[in-house]
Amino acid sequence: MCREIISALKTIIGRQGVAALYDRSIVLTARTYPWLERSRADNDHSVDLDDLRAVIARQNIDDAAAVCSELLQTFYEVLVGLIGPALCEQLLASVPEDLA
């Protein structure tokens, strides 16, 4: 799901924009799950979803499910806060509905 969202947004806001959204979402979500802080975007503005998956996989099933949900919700809220709900929905229109 994250790869689909990143791909949809990268063509519009670029790699740096996606990395900034991702990084802000990680910082906000890490307030509840401090171990998530290790998954921040790299200095080269890359988002390492394999690293994120590895960090989440080391958690118990309840925390892993909760952080995935909260991180996705936080990412969406940060994006909506920046560009508004209408444009957000338009940008994510290419993401299959059962993923978004």
Protein backbone atom coordinates (compact mmCIF):
# COMPACT_ATOMS: atom_id res chain seq x y z
CA MET A 1 0.00 0.00 0.00
CA CYS A 2 2.78 2.44 0.93
CA ARG A 3 4.57 1.81 -2.36
CA GLU A 4 1.39 2.64 -4.29
CA ILE A 5 0.88 5.87 -2.36
CA ILE A 6 4.52 6.93 -2.68
CA SER A 7 4.51 6.20 -6.38
CA ALA A 8 1.35 8.25 -6.89
CA LEU A 9 2.71 11.21 -4.95
CA LYS A 10 6.31 11.10 -6.21
CA THR A 11 5.32 12.09 -9.74
CA ILE A 12 3.55 15.20 -8.41
CA ILE A 13 5.56 16.40 -5.40
CA GLY A 14 8.88 14.69 -6.09
CA ARG A 15 11.12 12.48 -4.03
CA GLN A 16 11.99 15.23 -1.56
CA GLY A 17 8.32 16.07 -1.01
CA VAL A 18 7.41 12.46 -0.36
CA ALA A 19 10.40 12.03 1.96
CA ALA A 20 9.39 15.14 3.91
CA LEU A 21 5.80 13.88 4.32
CA TYR A 22 7.03 10.44 5.31
CA ASP A 23 9.57 11.85 7.76
CA ARG A 24 7.01 14.13 9.42
CA SER A 25 4.59 11.22 9.71
CA ILE A 26 7.27 9.06 11.32
CA VAL A 27 8.14 11.80 13.83
CA LEU A 28 4.49 12.30 14.80
CA THR A 29 3.75 8.57 15.06
CA ALA A 30 6.96 7.96 17.01
CA ARG A 31 5.47 9.99 19.85
CA THR A 32 3.38 6.91 20.59
CA TYR A 33 5.83 4.33 19.24
CA PRO A 34 9.37 5.64 19.93
CA TRP A 35 11.00 2.64 18.25
CA LEU A 36 9.61 3.89 14.93
CA GLU A 37 12.05 6.82 14.99
CA ARG A 38 14.69 4.54 13.43
CA SER A 39 12.69 4.54 10.20
CA ARG A 40 13.08 8.21 9.32
CA ALA A 41 13.94 9.20 5.76
CA ASP A 42 17.62 9.26 4.87
CA ASN A 43 19.54 12.45 4.14
CA ASP A 44 19.37 11.62 0.44
CA HIS A 45 15.56 11.94 0.65
CA SER A 46 14.95 8.25 0.19
CA VAL A 47 12.19 6.36 1.89
CA ASP A 48 13.30 2.85 2.78
CA LEU A 49 10.10 0.84 3.08
CA ASP A 50 12.06 -2.38 3.52
CA ASP A 51 13.69 -0.88 6.61
CA LEU A 52 10.28 0.25 7.87
CA ARG A 53 8.93 -3.25 7.36
CA ALA A 54 11.88 -4.74 9.25
CA VAL A 55 11.43 -2.36 12.19
CA ILE A 56 7.70 -3.13 12.38
CA ALA A 57 8.30 -6.88 12.04
CA ARG A 58 10.35 -6.86 15.24
CA GLN A 59 7.30 -5.73 17.25
CA ASN A 60 4.50 -7.82 18.67
CA ILE A 61 1.52 -8.30 16.38
CA ASP A 62 -0.72 -5.81 18.19
CA ASP A 63 1.86 -3.00 18.12
CA ALA A 64 2.73 -3.76 14.51
CA ALA A 65 -0.90 -3.54 13.40
CA ALA A 66 -1.52 -0.41 15.45
CA VAL A 67 1.55 1.43 14.18
CA CYS A 68 0.77 0.61 10.56
CA SER A 69 -2.72 2.01 10.91
CA GLU A 70 -1.58 5.09 12.83
CA LEU A 71 1.30 5.83 10.47
CA LEU A 72 -0.92 5.63 7.40
CA GLN A 73 -3.55 7.82 9.05
CA THR A 74 -0.92 10.34 10.14
CA PHE A 75 0.59 10.46 6.63
CA TYR A 76 -2.85 11.14 5.18
CA GLU A 77 -3.60 13.84 7.77
CA VAL A 78 -0.27 15.59 7.15
CA LEU A 79 -0.91 15.52 3.41
CA VAL A 80 -4.46 16.84 3.84
CA GLY A 81 -3.16 19.55 6.16
CA LEU A 82 -0.78 20.74 3.47
CA ILE A 83 -2.90 20.55 0.34
CA GLY A 84 -6.50 20.06 1.45
CA PRO A 85 -8.79 17.06 1.17
CA ALA A 86 -9.93 17.59 -2.43
CA LEU A 87 -6.44 17.73 -3.91
CA CYS A 88 -5.32 14.89 -1.64
CA GLU A 89 -8.10 12.67 -2.96
CA GLN A 90 -7.22 13.65 -6.52
CA LEU A 91 -3.54 12.82 -6.04
CA LEU A 92 -4.36 9.46 -4.46
CA ALA A 93 -7.00 8.57 -7.05
CA SER A 94 -4.60 6.15 -8.75
CA VAL A 95 -4.20 4.12 -5.55
CA PRO A 96 -6.64 1.19 -5.57
CA GLU A 97 -9.53 1.98 -3.23
CA ASP A 98 -9.10 -1.17 -1.20
CA LEU A 99 -5.58 0.06 -0.38
CA ALA A 100 -6.34 3.66 0.52
